[in-house]
C-alpha atoms as a PDB file:
ATOM      1  CA  UNK A   1      -0.058  -0.075   0.046  1.00  0.00           C
ATOM      2  CA  UNK A   2       1.006   3.654  -0.455  1.00  0.00           C
ATOM      3  CA  UNK A   3      -0.099   6.358   2.073  1.00  0.00           C
ATOM      4  CA  UNK A   4       0.099   9.810   0.317  1.00  0.00           C
ATOM      5  CA  UNK A   5       0.030  12.712   2.635  1.00  0.00           C
ATOM      6  CA  UNK A   6      -0.482  16.290   1.193  1.00  0.00           C
ATOM      7  CA  UNK A   7       1.082  19.449   2.730  1.00  0.00           C
ATOM      8  CA  UNK A   8      -1.024  21.053   5.344  1.00  0.00           C
ATOM      9  CA  UNK A   9      -3.252  23.670   3.930  1.00  0.00           C
ATOM     10  CA  UNK A  10      -3.877  21.850   0.478  1.00  0.00           C
ATOM     11  CA  UNK A  11      -7.267  22.984  -0.754  1.00  0.00           C
ATOM     12  CA  UNK A  12     -10.150  20.501  -1.739  1.00  0.00           C
ATOM     13  CA  UNK A  13      -9.717  21.320  -5.302  1.00  0.00           C
ATOM     14  CA  UNK A  14      -6.114  20.419  -5.261  1.00  0.00           C
ATOM     15  CA  UNK A  15      -6.805  17.351  -3.220  1.00  0.00           C
ATOM     16  CA  UNK A  16      -9.534  16.261  -5.775  1.00  0.00           C
ATOM     17  CA  UNK A  17      -7.050  16.703  -8.819  1.00  0.00           C
ATOM     18  CA  UNK A  18      -4.422  14.565  -6.781  1.00  0.00           C
ATOM     19  CA  UNK A  19      -6.991  11.906  -6.471  1.00  0.00           C
ATOM     20  CA  UNK A  20      -7.524  12.065 -10.184  1.00  0.00           C
ATOM     21  CA  UNK A  21      -3.927  11.904 -11.011  1.00  0.00           C
ATOM     22  CA  UNK A  22      -3.522   8.888  -8.552  1.00  0.00           C
ATOM     23  CA  UNK A  23      -6.259   7.047 -10.324  1.00  0.00           C
ATOM     24  CA  UNK A  24      -4.247   6.932 -13.499  1.00  0.00           C
ATOM     25  CA  UNK A  25      -1.544   4.688 -11.543  1.00  0.00           C
ATOM     26  CA  UNK A  26      -4.054   2.359  -9.795  1.00  0.00           C
ATOM     27  CA  UNK A  27      -7.827   2.130  -9.551  1.00  0.00           C
ATOM     28  CA  UNK A  28      -7.884   1.093  -5.914  1.00  0.00           C
ATOM     29  CA  UNK A  29      -7.771   4.446  -4.291  1.00  0.00           C
ATOM     30  CA  UNK A  30      -9.398   5.334  -0.802  1.00  0.00           C
ATOM     31  CA  UNK A  31      -9.856   8.994  -0.189  1.00  0.00           C
ATOM     32  CA  UNK A  32      -8.800  10.137   3.293  1.00  0.00           C
ATOM     33  CA  UNK A  33     -10.176  13.607   4.087  1.00  0.00           C
ATOM     34  CA  UNK A  34      -8.906  16.210   4.471  1.00  0.00           C
ATOM     35  CA  UNK A  35      -5.770  15.917   2.502  1.00  0.00           C
ATOM     36  CA  UNK A  36      -4.442  12.245   2.256  1.00  0.00           C
ATOM     37  CA  UNK A  37      -5.243   9.197   0.136  1.00  0.00           C
ATOM     38  CA  UNK A  38      -4.543   5.453   0.375  1.00  0.00           C
ATOM     39  CA  UNK A  39      -3.643   3.364  -2.669  1.00  0.00           C
ATOM     40  CA  UNK A  40      -3.502  -0.456  -3.207  1.00  0.00           C
ATOM     41  CA  UNK A  41      -0.668  -1.056  -5.573  1.00  0.00           C
ATOM     42  CA  UNK A  42      -0.292  -4.873  -5.673  1.00  0.00           C
ATOM     43  CA  UNK A  43      -1.828  -5.121  -9.064  1.00  0.00           C
ATOM     44  CA  UNK A  44      -0.263  -1.851 -10.409  1.00  0.00           C
ATOM     45  CA  UNK A  45       3.239  -3.280  -9.785  1.00  0.00           C
ATOM     46  CA  UNK A  46       2.703  -6.131 -12.253  1.00  0.00           C
ATOM     47  CA  UNK A  47       0.853  -3.756 -14.744  1.00  0.00           C
ATOM     48  CA  UNK A  48       3.388  -1.053 -14.980  1.00  0.00           C
ATOM     49  CA  UNK A  49       6.346  -3.480 -14.381  1.00  0.00           C
ATOM     50  CA  UNK A  50       7.811  -1.169 -11.787  1.00  0.00           C
ATOM     51  CA  UNK A  51       8.749  -1.216  -8.069  1.00  0.00           C
ATOM     52  CA  UNK A  52       6.621   0.504  -5.360  1.00  0.00           C
ATOM     53  CA  UNK A  53       9.214   3.122  -4.881  1.00  0.00           C
ATOM     54  CA  UNK A  54       9.140   3.871  -8.671  1.00  0.00           C
ATOM     55  CA  UNK A  55       5.430   4.434  -8.530  1.00  0.00           C
ATOM     56  CA  UNK A  56       5.399   6.527  -5.467  1.00  0.00           C
ATOM     57  CA  UNK A  57       8.257   8.741  -7.175  1.00  0.00           C
ATOM     58  CA  UNK A  58       6.155   8.828 -10.382  1.00  0.00           C
ATOM     59  CA  UNK A  59       3.111  10.114  -8.467  1.00  0.00           C
ATOM     60  CA  UNK A  60       5.317  12.591  -6.328  1.00  0.00           C
ATOM     61  CA  UNK A  61       6.801  13.976  -9.402  1.00  0.00           C
ATOM     62  CA  UNK A  62       3.643  14.342 -11.570  1.00  0.00           C
ATOM     63  CA  UNK A  63       1.907  16.048  -8.379  1.00  0.00           C
ATOM     64  CA  UNK A  64       4.536  18.583  -8.119  1.00  0.00           C
ATOM     65  CA  UNK A  65       4.947  19.280 -11.854  1.00  0.00           C
ATOM     66  CA  UNK A  66       1.288  19.045 -13.056  1.00  0.00           C
ATOM     67  CA  UNK A  67      -0.698  20.338 -10.006  1.00  0.00           C
ATOM     68  CA  UNK A  68       1.951  22.183  -7.690  1.00  0.00           C
ATOM     69  CA  UNK A  69       0.953  19.880  -4.908  1.00  0.00           C
ATOM     70  CA  UNK A  70       3.709  18.774  -2.469  1.00  0.00           C
ATOM     71  CA  UNK A  71       3.196  15.353  -1.120  1.00  0.00           C
ATOM     72  CA  UNK A  72       5.170  12.920   1.151  1.00  0.00           C
ATOM     73  CA  UNK A  73       4.460   9.128   0.281  1.00  0.00           C
ATOM     74  CA  UNK A  74       4.937   5.997   2.572  1.00  0.00           C
ATOM     75  CA  UNK A  75       4.603   2.428   1.388  1.00  0.00           C
ATOM     76  CA  UNK A  76       4.300  -0.818   3.196  1.00  0.00           C
ATOM     77  CA  UNK A  77       2.551  -3.980   3.471  1.00  0.00           C
ATOM     78  CA  UNK A  78      -0.218  -2.463   5.732  1.00  0.00           C
ATOM     79  CA  UNK A  79      -2.105   0.567   6.179  1.00  0.00           C
ATOM     80  CA  UNK A  80      -0.357   1.467   9.456  1.00  0.00           C
ATOM     81  CA  UNK A  81       3.063   0.965   8.167  1.00  0.00           C
ATOM     82  CA  UNK A  82       2.481   2.957   5.128  1.00  0.00           C
ATOM     83  CA  UNK A  83       0.998   5.766   7.199  1.00  0.00           C
ATOM     84  CA  UNK A  84       4.063   5.807   9.603  1.00  0.00           C
ATOM     85  CA  UNK A  85       6.432   5.805   6.580  1.00  0.00           C
ATOM     86  CA  UNK A  86       4.613   8.956   5.124  1.00  0.00           C
ATOM     87  CA  UNK A  87       5.662  10.917   8.302  1.00  0.00           C
ATOM     88  CA  UNK A  88       9.477  10.241   7.582  1.00  0.00           C
ATOM     89  CA  UNK A  89      11.585  13.100   6.442  1.00  0.00           C
ATOM     90  CA  UNK A  90      12.277  11.745   3.063  1.00  0.00           C
ATOM     91  CA  UNK A  91       9.704  12.586   0.306  1.00  0.00           C
ATOM     92  CA  UNK A  92       9.211   8.814  -0.373  1.00  0.00           C
ATOM     93  CA  UNK A  93       9.890   6.023   2.197  1.00  0.00           C
ATOM     94  CA  UNK A  94       8.897   2.627   1.430  1.00  0.00           C
ATOM     95  CA  UNK A  95       9.385  -0.381   3.827  1.00  0.00           C
ATOM     96  CA  UNK A  96      10.128  -3.933   2.748  1.00  0.00           C
ATOM     97  CA  UNK A  97       7.387  -6.590   3.035  1.00  0.00           C
ATOM     98  CA  UNK A  98       8.650  -9.629   5.227  1.00  0.00           C
ATOM     99  CA  UNK A  99       6.436 -12.141   3.506  1.00  0.00           C
ATOM    100  CA  UNK A 100       7.766 -11.723  -0.004  1.00  0.00           C
ATOM    101  CA  UNK A 101       4.249 -12.246  -1.407  1.00  0.00           C
ATOM    102  CA  UNK A 102       4.143 -11.755  -5.280  1.00  0.00           C
ATOM    103  CA  UNK A 103       3.417  -8.174  -6.053  1.00  0.00           C
ATOM    104  CA  UNK A 104       4.519  -6.747  -2.932  1.00  0.00           C
ATOM    105  CA  UNK A 105       8.263  -8.189  -2.695  1.00  0.00           C
ATOM    106  CA  UNK A 106       9.252  -4.987  -4.306  1.00  0.00           C
ATOM    107  CA  UNK A 107       8.797  -2.886  -1.087  1.00  0.00           C
ATOM    108  CA  UNK A 108      12.464  -2.259   0.000  1.00  0.00           C
ATOM    109  CA  UNK A 109      13.660   0.157   2.952  1.00  0.00           C
ATOM    110  CA  UNK A 110      15.252   3.329   1.347  1.00  0.00           C
ATOM    111  CA  UNK A 111      17.543   3.852   4.052  1.00  0.00           C
ATOM    112  CA  UNK A 112      19.258   0.437   2.987  1.00  0.00           C
ATOM    113  CA  UNK A 113      18.308  -3.013   2.036  1.00  0.00           C
ATOM    114  CA  UNK A 114      18.269  -3.814   5.691  1.00  0.00           C
ATOM    115  CA  UNK A 115      21.214  -6.085   5.526  1.00  0.00           C
ATOM    116  CA  UNK A 116      19.442  -9.406   6.198  1.00  0.00           C
ATOM    117  CA  UNK A 117      17.244  -7.954   8.882  1.00  0.00           C
ATOM    118  CA  UNK A 118      13.471  -8.052   8.599  1.00  0.00           C
ATOM    119  CA  UNK A 119      12.805  -4.599   6.830  1.00  0.00           C
ATOM    120  CA  UNK A 120       9.410  -4.132   8.732  1.00  0.00           C
ATOM    121  CA  UNK A 121      11.107  -4.680  12.219  1.00  0.00           C
ATOM    122  CA  UNK A 122      14.211  -2.597  10.936  1.00  0.00           C
ATOM    123  CA  UNK A 123      11.876   0.385  10.307  1.00  0.00           C
ATOM    124  CA  UNK A 124       9.494  -0.068  13.347  1.00  0.00           C
ATOM    125  CA  UNK A 125      11.745  -0.859  16.169  1.00  0.00           C
ATOM    126  CA  UNK A 126      13.640   2.360  16.759  1.00  0.00           C
ATOM    127  CA  UNK A 127      10.497   4.612  15.950  1.00  0.00           C
ATOM    128  CA  UNK A 128       9.192   6.787  19.161  1.00  0.00           C
ATOM    129  CA  UNK A 129       6.107   5.213  20.395  1.00  0.00           C
ATOM    130  CA  UNK A 130       4.182   8.520  19.657  1.00  0.00           C
ATOM    131  CA  UNK A 131       4.781   7.680  16.064  1.00  0.00           C
ATOM    132  CA  UNK A 132       2.662   4.533  16.133  1.00  0.00           C
ATOM    133  CA  UNK A 133      -0.301   5.029  13.868  1.00  0.00           C
ATOM    134  CA  UNK A 134      -3.412   5.579  15.891  1.00  0.00           C
ATOM    135  CA  UNK A 135      -1.949   6.237  19.294  1.00  0.00           C
ATOM    136  CA  UNK A 136      -2.930   9.339  21.092  1.00  0.00           C
ATOM    137  CA  UNK A 137      -0.801  11.678  22.984  1.00  0.00           C
ATOM    138  CA  UNK A 138      -2.201  10.487  26.381  1.00  0.00           C
ATOM    139  CA  UNK A 139      -1.560   6.966  25.577  1.00  0.00           C
ATOM    140  CA  UNK A 140       1.919   7.647  24.358  1.00  0.00           C
ATOM    141  CA  UNK A 141       2.654   9.613  27.538  1.00  0.00           C
ATOM    142  CA  UNK A 142       1.336   6.650  29.700  1.00  0.00           C
ATOM    143  CA  UNK A 143       3.371   4.123  27.935  1.00  0.00           C
ATOM    144  CA  UNK A 144       6.578   6.179  28.147  1.00  0.00           C
ATOM    145  CA  UNK A 145       6.089   6.640  31.741  1.00  0.00           C
ATOM    146  CA  UNK A 146       6.459   2.875  32.016  1.00  0.00           C
ATOM    147  CA  UNK A 147       9.578   2.543  29.903  1.00  0.00           C
ATOM    148  CA  UNK A 148       7.925   1.861  26.731  1.00  0.00           C
ATOM    149  CA  UNK A 149       9.573   4.494  24.627  1.00  0.00           C
ATOM    150  CA  UNK A 150       9.765   2.915  21.326  1.00  0.00           C
ATOM    151  CA  UNK A 151       7.623   0.941  19.089  1.00  0.00           C
ATOM    152  CA  UNK A 152      10.048  -2.165  19.534  1.00  0.00           C
ATOM    153  CA  UNK A 153       9.705  -2.192  23.273  1.00  0.00           C
ATOM    154  CA  UNK A 154       6.034  -2.078  22.950  1.00  0.00           C
ATOM    155  CA  UNK A 155       5.955  -4.878  20.503  1.00  0.00           C
ATOM    156  CA  UNK A 156       7.908  -7.038  22.890  1.00  0.00           C
ATOM    157  CA  UNK A 157       6.060  -6.071  25.925  1.00  0.00           C
ATOM    158  CA  UNK A 158       3.397  -8.702  27.289  1.00  0.00           C
ATOM    159  CA  UNK A 159       0.025  -8.057  26.181  1.00  0.00           C
ATOM    160  CA  UNK A 160      -1.366  -8.115  29.658  1.00  0.00           C
ATOM    161  CA  UNK A 161       1.010  -5.395  30.758  1.00  0.00           C
ATOM    162  CA  UNK A 162       0.248  -3.274  28.064  1.00  0.00           C
ATOM    163  CA  UNK A 163      -3.463  -3.671  28.711  1.00  0.00           C
ATOM    164  CA  UNK A 164      -3.100  -2.582  32.366  1.00  0.00           C
ATOM    165  CA  UNK A 165      -1.525   0.740  31.201  1.00  0.00           C
ATOM    166  CA  UNK A 166      -3.846   1.702  28.281  1.00  0.00           C
ATOM    167  CA  UNK A 167      -6.775  -0.605  28.740  1.00  0.00           C
ATOM    168  CA  UNK A 168      -7.380  -3.937  27.122  1.00  0.00           C
ATOM    169  CA  UNK A 169      -8.905  -2.998  23.766  1.00  0.00           C
ATOM    170  CA  UNK A 170      -6.455  -0.125  23.196  1.00  0.00           C
ATOM    171  CA  UNK A 171      -3.423  -2.016  24.286  1.00  0.00           C
ATOM    172  CA  UNK A 172      -4.243  -5.068  22.048  1.00  0.00           C
ATOM    173  CA  UNK A 173      -4.753  -2.783  19.034  1.00  0.00           C
ATOM    174  CA  UNK A 174      -1.635  -0.790  19.695  1.00  0.00           C
ATOM    175  CA  UNK A 175       0.535  -3.799  20.493  1.00  0.00           C
ATOM    176  CA  UNK A 176      -0.706  -5.364  17.085  1.00  0.00           C
ATOM    177  CA  UNK A 177       0.209  -2.400  15.094  1.00  0.00           C
ATOM    178  CA  UNK A 178       3.579  -2.101  16.938  1.00  0.00           C
ATOM    179  CA  UNK A 179       4.135  -5.831  15.580  1.00  0.00           C
ATOM    180  CA  UNK A 180       3.307  -4.772  12.067  1.00  0.00           C
ATOM    181  CA  UNK A 181      -0.241  -6.350  12.095  1.00  0.00           C
ATOM    182  CA  UNK A 182      -3.168  -4.329  10.561  1.00  0.00           C
ATOM    183  CA  UNK A 183      -5.866  -6.317   8.659  1.00  0.00           C
ATOM    184  CA  UNK A 184      -7.485  -3.120   7.191  1.00  0.00           C
ATOM    185  CA  UNK A 185      -7.818  -3.031   3.309  1.00  0.00           C
ATOM    186  CA  UNK A 186      -8.102  -0.212   1.056  1.00  0.00           C
ATOM    187  CA  UNK A 187     -11.749   0.581   0.222  1.00  0.00           C
ATOM    188  CA  UNK A 188     -12.004   2.486  -2.840  1.00  0.00           C
ATOM    189  CA  UNK A 189     -13.924   5.588  -2.302  1.00  0.00           C
ATOM    190  CA  UNK A 190     -14.150   9.228  -3.615  1.00  0.00           C
ATOM    191  CA  UNK A 191     -13.876  12.525  -1.726  1.00  0.00           C
ATOM    192  CA  UNK A 192     -17.295  13.450  -0.299  1.00  0.00           C
ATOM    193  CA  UNK A 193     -18.959  16.456  -2.304  1.00  0.00           C
ATOM    194  CA  UNK A 194     -19.745  19.740  -1.024  1.00  0.00           C
ATOM    195  CA  UNK A 195     -22.693  22.236  -1.986  1.00  0.00           C
ATOM    196  CA  UNK A 196     -23.198  25.702  -0.794  1.00  0.00           C
ATOM    197  CA  UNK A 197     -25.669  28.652  -1.128  1.00  0.00           C
ATOM    198  CA  UNK A 198     -25.396  32.247  -0.252  1.00  0.00           C
ATOM    199  CA  UNK A 199     -27.414  35.325   0.246  1.00  0.00           C
ATOM    200  CA  UNK A 200     -26.029  38.759   0.615  1.00  0.00           C
ATOM    201  CA  UNK A 201     -27.956  41.579   2.337  1.00  0.00           C
ATOM    202  CA  UNK A 202     -26.279  44.546   0.736  1.00  0.00           C
ATOM    203  CA  UNK A 203     -27.262  47.212   3.196  1.00  0.00           C
ATOM    204  CA  UNK A 204     -27.189  45.040   6.207  1.00  0.00           C
ATOM    205  CA  UNK A 205     -29.863  44.513   8.609  1.00  0.00           C
ATOM    206  CA  UNK A 206     -30.606  43.747  12.194  1.00  0.00           C
ATOM    207  CA  UNK A 207     -34.059  42.714  11.422  1.00  0.00           C
ATOM    208  CA  UNK A 208     -34.138  39.026  12.504  1.00  0.00           C
ATOM    209  CA  UNK A 209     -37.241  38.295  10.047  1.00  0.00           C
ATOM    210  CA  UNK A 210     -35.302  39.441   7.050  1.00  0.00           C
ATOM    211  CA  UNK A 211     -32.115  37.450   7.851  1.00  0.00           C
ATOM    212  CA  UNK A 212     -34.170  34.347   8.722  1.00  0.00           C
ATOM    213  CA  UNK A 213     -36.119  34.935   5.329  1.00  0.00           C
ATOM    214  CA  UNK A 214     -32.770  34.968   3.368  1.00  0.00           C
ATOM    215  CA  UNK A 215     -31.630  31.902   5.473  1.00  0.00           C
ATOM    216  CA  UNK A 216     -34.677  30.048   4.595  1.00  0.00           C
ATOM    217  CA  UNK A 217     -34.561  30.826   0.970  1.00  0.00           C
ATOM    218  CA  UNK A 218     -30.883  29.678   0.532  1.00  0.00           C
ATOM    219  CA  UNK A 219     -31.694  26.452   2.828  1.00  0.00           C
ATOM    220  CA  UNK A 220     -34.617  25.663   0.332  1.00  0.00           C
ATOM    221  CA  UNK A 221     -32.587  26.161  -2.744  1.00  0.00           C
ATOM    222  CA  UNK A 222     -29.796  24.131  -1.355  1.00  0.00           C
ATOM    223  CA  UNK A 223     -32.223  21.424  -0.295  1.00  0.00           C
ATOM    224  CA  UNK A 224     -33.911  21.258  -3.834  1.00  0.00           C
ATOM    225  CA  UNK A 225     -30.372  20.933  -5.473  1.00  0.00           C
ATOM    226  CA  UNK A 226     -29.501  17.998  -3.235  1.00  0.00           C
ATOM    227  CA  UNK A 227     -32.739  16.304  -3.868  1.00  0.00           C
ATOM    228  CA  UNK A 228     -32.298  16.497  -7.570  1.00  0.00           C
ATOM    229  CA  UNK A 229     -28.762  15.192  -7.141  1.00  0.00           C
ATOM    230  CA  UNK A 230     -30.045  12.437  -4.695  1.00  0.00           C
ATOM    231  CA  UNK A 231     -27.559  13.440  -2.042  1.00  0.00           C
ATOM    232  CA  UNK A 232     -27.820  13.751   1.604  1.00  0.00           C
ATOM    233  CA  UNK A 233     -25.344  15.849   3.877  1.00  0.00           C
ATOM    234  CA  UNK A 234     -23.244  14.428   6.608  1.00  0.00           C
ATOM    235  CA  UNK A 235     -22.362  17.906   7.961  1.00  0.00           C
ATOM    236  CA  UNK A 236     -24.461  21.130   7.628  1.00  0.00           C
ATOM    237  CA  UNK A 237     -22.614  24.532   8.291  1.00  0.00           C
ATOM    238  CA  UNK A 238     -24.080  28.016   8.695  1.00  0.00           C
ATOM    239  CA  UNK A 239     -21.916  31.043   8.361  1.00  0.00           C
ATOM    240  CA  UNK A 240     -23.289  34.555   9.327  1.00  0.00           C
ATOM    241  CA  UNK A 241     -21.316  37.477   8.025  1.00  0.00           C
ATOM    242  CA  UNK A 242     -21.674  40.557  10.348  1.00  0.00           C
ATOM    243  CA  UNK A 243     -21.306  44.184   9.658  1.00  0.00           C
ATOM    244  CA  UNK A 244     -17.556  44.996  10.102  1.00  0.00           C
ATOM    245  CA  UNK A 245     -16.277  42.011   8.563  1.00  0.00           C
ATOM    246  CA  UNK A 246     -16.468  39.355  11.154  1.00  0.00           C
ATOM    247  CA  UNK A 247     -18.182  36.015  10.756  1.00  0.00           C
ATOM    248  CA  UNK A 248     -19.849  33.377  13.116  1.00  0.00           C
ATOM    249  CA  UNK A 249     -20.025  29.763  12.039  1.00  0.00           C
ATOM    250  CA  UNK A 250     -21.982  27.023  13.382  1.00  0.00           C
ATOM    251  CA  UNK A 251     -21.879  23.219  12.241  1.00  0.00           C
ATOM    252  CA  UNK A 252     -23.946  20.225  12.615  1.00  0.00           C
ATOM    253  CA  UNK A 253     -22.695  16.686  12.474  1.00  0.00           C
ATOM    254  CA  UNK A 254     -24.695  13.666  11.004  1.00  0.00           C
ATOM    255  CA  UNK A 255     -27.401  16.200  10.018  1.00  0.00           C
ATOM    256  CA  UNK A 256     -29.975  13.726   8.572  1.00  0.00           C
ATOM    257  CA  UNK A 257     -33.196  15.880   9.175  1.00  0.00           C
ATOM    258  CA  UNK A 258     -34.840  18.594   7.085  1.00  0.00           C
ATOM    259  CA  UNK A 259     -31.880  20.977   6.344  1.00  0.00           C
ATOM    260  CA  UNK A 260     -34.190  23.964   6.757  1.00  0.00           C
ATOM    261  CA  UNK A 261     -35.282  23.110  10.197  1.00  0.00           C
ATOM    262  CA  UNK A 262     -31.632  22.298  11.190  1.00  0.00           C
ATOM    263  CA  UNK A 263     -30.267  25.686   9.785  1.00  0.00           C
ATOM    264  CA  UNK A 264     -33.224  27.463  11.555  1.00  0.00           C
ATOM    265  CA  UNK A 265     -32.199  26.142  14.955  1.00  0.00           C
ATOM    266  CA  UNK A 266     -28.578  26.870  14.364  1.00  0.00           C
ATOM    267  CA  UNK A 267     -29.521  30.499  13.556  1.00  0.00           C
ATOM    268  CA  UNK A 268     -31.809  30.863  16.508  1.00  0.00           C
ATOM    269  CA  UNK A 269     -28.906  29.469  18.795  1.00  0.00           C
ATOM    270  CA  UNK A 270     -26.833  32.635  17.788  1.00  0.00           C
ATOM    271  CA  UNK A 271     -29.197  34.962  19.490  1.00  0.00           C
ATOM    272  CA  UNK A 272     -28.465  37.796  17.006  1.00  0.00           C
ATOM    273  CA  UNK A 273     -31.076  40.484  18.354  1.00  0.00           C
ATOM    274  CA  UNK A 274     -29.335  44.026  17.619  1.00  0.00           C
ATOM    275  CA  UNK A 275     -26.287  42.742  15.486  1.00  0.00           C
ATOM    276  CA  UNK A 276     -26.428  43.983  11.817  1.00  0.00           C
ATOM    277  CA  UNK A 277     -26.038  40.903   9.377  1.00  0.00           C
ATOM    278  CA  UNK A 278     -24.646  41.355   5.738  1.00  0.00           C
ATOM    279  CA  UNK A 279     -25.199  37.952   4.581  1.00  0.00           C
ATOM    280  CA  UNK A 280     -25.646  34.099   5.250  1.00  0.00           C
ATOM    281  CA  UNK A 281     -24.066  30.955   3.717  1.00  0.00           C
ATOM    282  CA  UNK A 282     -25.193  27.597   4.248  1.00  0.00           C
ATOM    283  CA  UNK A 283     -22.966  24.765   3.270  1.00  0.00           C
ATOM    284  CA  UNK A 284     -23.696  20.897   2.993  1.00  0.00           C
ATOM    285  CA  UNK A 285     -20.497  18.909   3.377  1.00  0.00           C
ATOM    286  CA  UNK A 286     -19.602  15.070   3.124  1.00  0.00           C
ATOM    287  CA  UNK A 287     -22.492  14.428   0.586  1.00  0.00           C
ATOM    288  CA  UNK A 288     -23.273  10.793   0.236  1.00  0.00           C
ATOM    289  CA  UNK A 289     -25.906   9.055  -2.222  1.00  0.00           C
ATOM    290  CA  UNK A 290     -29.337   8.832  -0.714  1.00  0.00           C
ATOM    291  CA  UNK A 291     -29.602   5.353   1.197  1.00  0.00           C
ATOM    292  CA  UNK A 292     -25.873   5.091   1.658  1.00  0.00           C
ATOM    293  CA  UNK A 293     -24.274   5.338   4.996  1.00  0.00           C
ATOM    294  CA  UNK A 294     -22.168   8.295   5.614  1.00  0.00           C
ATOM    295  CA  UNK A 295     -18.272   8.149   5.214  1.00  0.00           C
ATOM    296  CA  UNK A 296     -17.692   7.622   8.774  1.00  0.00           C
ATOM    297  CA  UNK A 297     -19.652   4.279   8.476  1.00  0.00           C
ATOM    298  CA  UNK A 298     -21.244   4.803  12.068  1.00  0.00           C
ATOM    299  CA  UNK A 299     -24.507   3.298  12.848  1.00  0.00           C
ATOM    300  CA  UNK A 300     -26.269   4.757  16.009  1.00  0.00           C
ATOM    301  CA  UNK A 301     -27.222   2.516  18.837  1.00  0.00           C
ATOM    302  CA  UNK A 302     -30.854   3.548  18.522  1.00  0.00           C
ATOM    303  CA  UNK A 303     -31.099   2.275  14.988  1.00  0.00           C
ATOM    304  CA  UNK A 304     -29.482  -1.086  16.194  1.00  0.00           C
ATOM    305  CA  UNK A 305     -31.945  -1.468  18.990  1.00  0.00           C
ATOM    306  CA  UNK A 306     -34.814  -0.799  16.740  1.00  0.00           C
ATOM    307  CA  UNK A 307     -33.604  -3.119  14.068  1.00  0.00           C
ATOM    308  CA  UNK A 308     -33.068  -5.823  16.819  1.00  0.00           C
ATOM    309  CA  UNK A 309     -36.615  -5.363  18.066  1.00  0.00           C
ATOM    310  CA  UNK A 310     -38.037  -5.505  14.773  1.00  0.00           C
ATOM    311  CA  UNK A 311     -36.386  -8.940  13.863  1.00  0.00           C
ATOM    312  CA  UNK A 312     -37.191 -10.370  17.204  1.00  0.00           C
ATOM    313  CA  UNK A 313     -40.753  -9.214  17.755  1.00  0.00           C
ATOM    314  CA  UNK A 314     -42.290 -12.058  16.155  1.00  0.00           C
ATOM    315  CA  UNK A 315     -40.476 -14.490  18.164  1.00  0.00           C
ATOM    316  CA  UNK A 316     -41.027 -12.731  21.395  1.00  0.00           C
ATOM    317  CA  UNK A 317     -44.658 -12.183  20.927  1.00  0.00           C
ATOM    318  CA  UNK A 318     -47.025 -13.889  23.459  1.00  0.00           C
ATOM    319  CA  UNK A 319     -47.806 -17.457  22.659  1.00  0.00           C
ATOM    320  CA  UNK A 320     -45.051 -17.676  20.119  1.00  0.00           C
ATOM    321  CA  UNK A 321     -42.871 -20.018  22.106  1.00  0.00           C
ATOM    322  CA  UNK A 322     -44.881 -22.904  23.780  1.00  0.00           C
ATOM    323  CA  UNK A 323     -44.320 -26.600  24.528  1.00  0.00           C
ATOM    324  CA  UNK A 324     -45.004 -29.101  21.881  1.00  0.00           C
ATOM    325  CA  UNK A 325     -48.707 -30.416  21.823  1.00  0.00           C
ATOM    326  CA  UNK A 326     -48.359 -34.147  23.079  1.00  0.00           C
ATOM    327  CA  UNK A 327     -49.384 -36.772  20.458  1.00  0.00           C
ATOM    328  CA  UNK A 328     -52.805 -38.356  21.386  1.00  0.00           C
ATOM    329  CA  UNK A 329     -52.994 -42.037  21.406  1.00  0.00           C
ATOM    330  CA  UNK A 330     -54.429 -43.821  18.418  1.00  0.00           C
ATOM    331  CA  UNK A 331     -58.012 -45.217  18.913  1.00  0.00           C
ATOM    332  CA  UNK A 332     -57.838 -49.021  19.271  1.00  0.00           C
END
């Protein structure tokens, strides 16, 4: 896998252009908002007849030359290893695959061919534990307090000991990644879309009714556009431009209800009584097709409970479970 990380501050337009460029190398591309991507190159290695390092350099060079986008690329047999490699100082760092599987045996440590040592362990062992993919600052501080300052020391520590420090579930996950184990695969996906509507109040006004009317008009127009495109927003944002140049912004995550009602509630929560407003902008972000789960992949517990009740209701109804009826003796 290749993990491609853009420079901080990269715009969404540049990110989309980079994803298009990567698709020319491999079709298995997973967008990682706001400015990263994951690429499965096992098949691309055979198709292009090149090594993983060559493909990474090709992507980096074309991104800089054609798009003006600077990227760092890490490569490895798993998502976590590739992500850690992309944080290294060289623009391209590719870690060897110990299994030698066909299509992935071209991964090699750029710092040297690892001199007979396992390339993955040679890469992971000296890393500070804070560089482990998925670890938090508090977890890293806890592990360092107990002397587990490197990824190699964490991998060699007993699982029970790590579990007592950071918790059983987190300890098991962090120790697996420290040992180079990560079963996550590339899930091809595009960057979620965005749609926005803006209404400008040229003279500015402090009349809440006028501002609310402009907001509802923008929300209705945006809602109509999303319905025609058969898209549903994962995030709704409201930006209110005030007299003097300042702005107020409010966002709502997992906005699955009526956008107009949601935006009205956010506007009322601002409580702009005597403030002059010069315009409002409503933005729908993380657009997904209607009926498809959002990019987070989360399902609320309430939905799970309702689905469980729906499926088990017939079996749990009164009289649904009863002892078998005894067979009557046949008449002689």
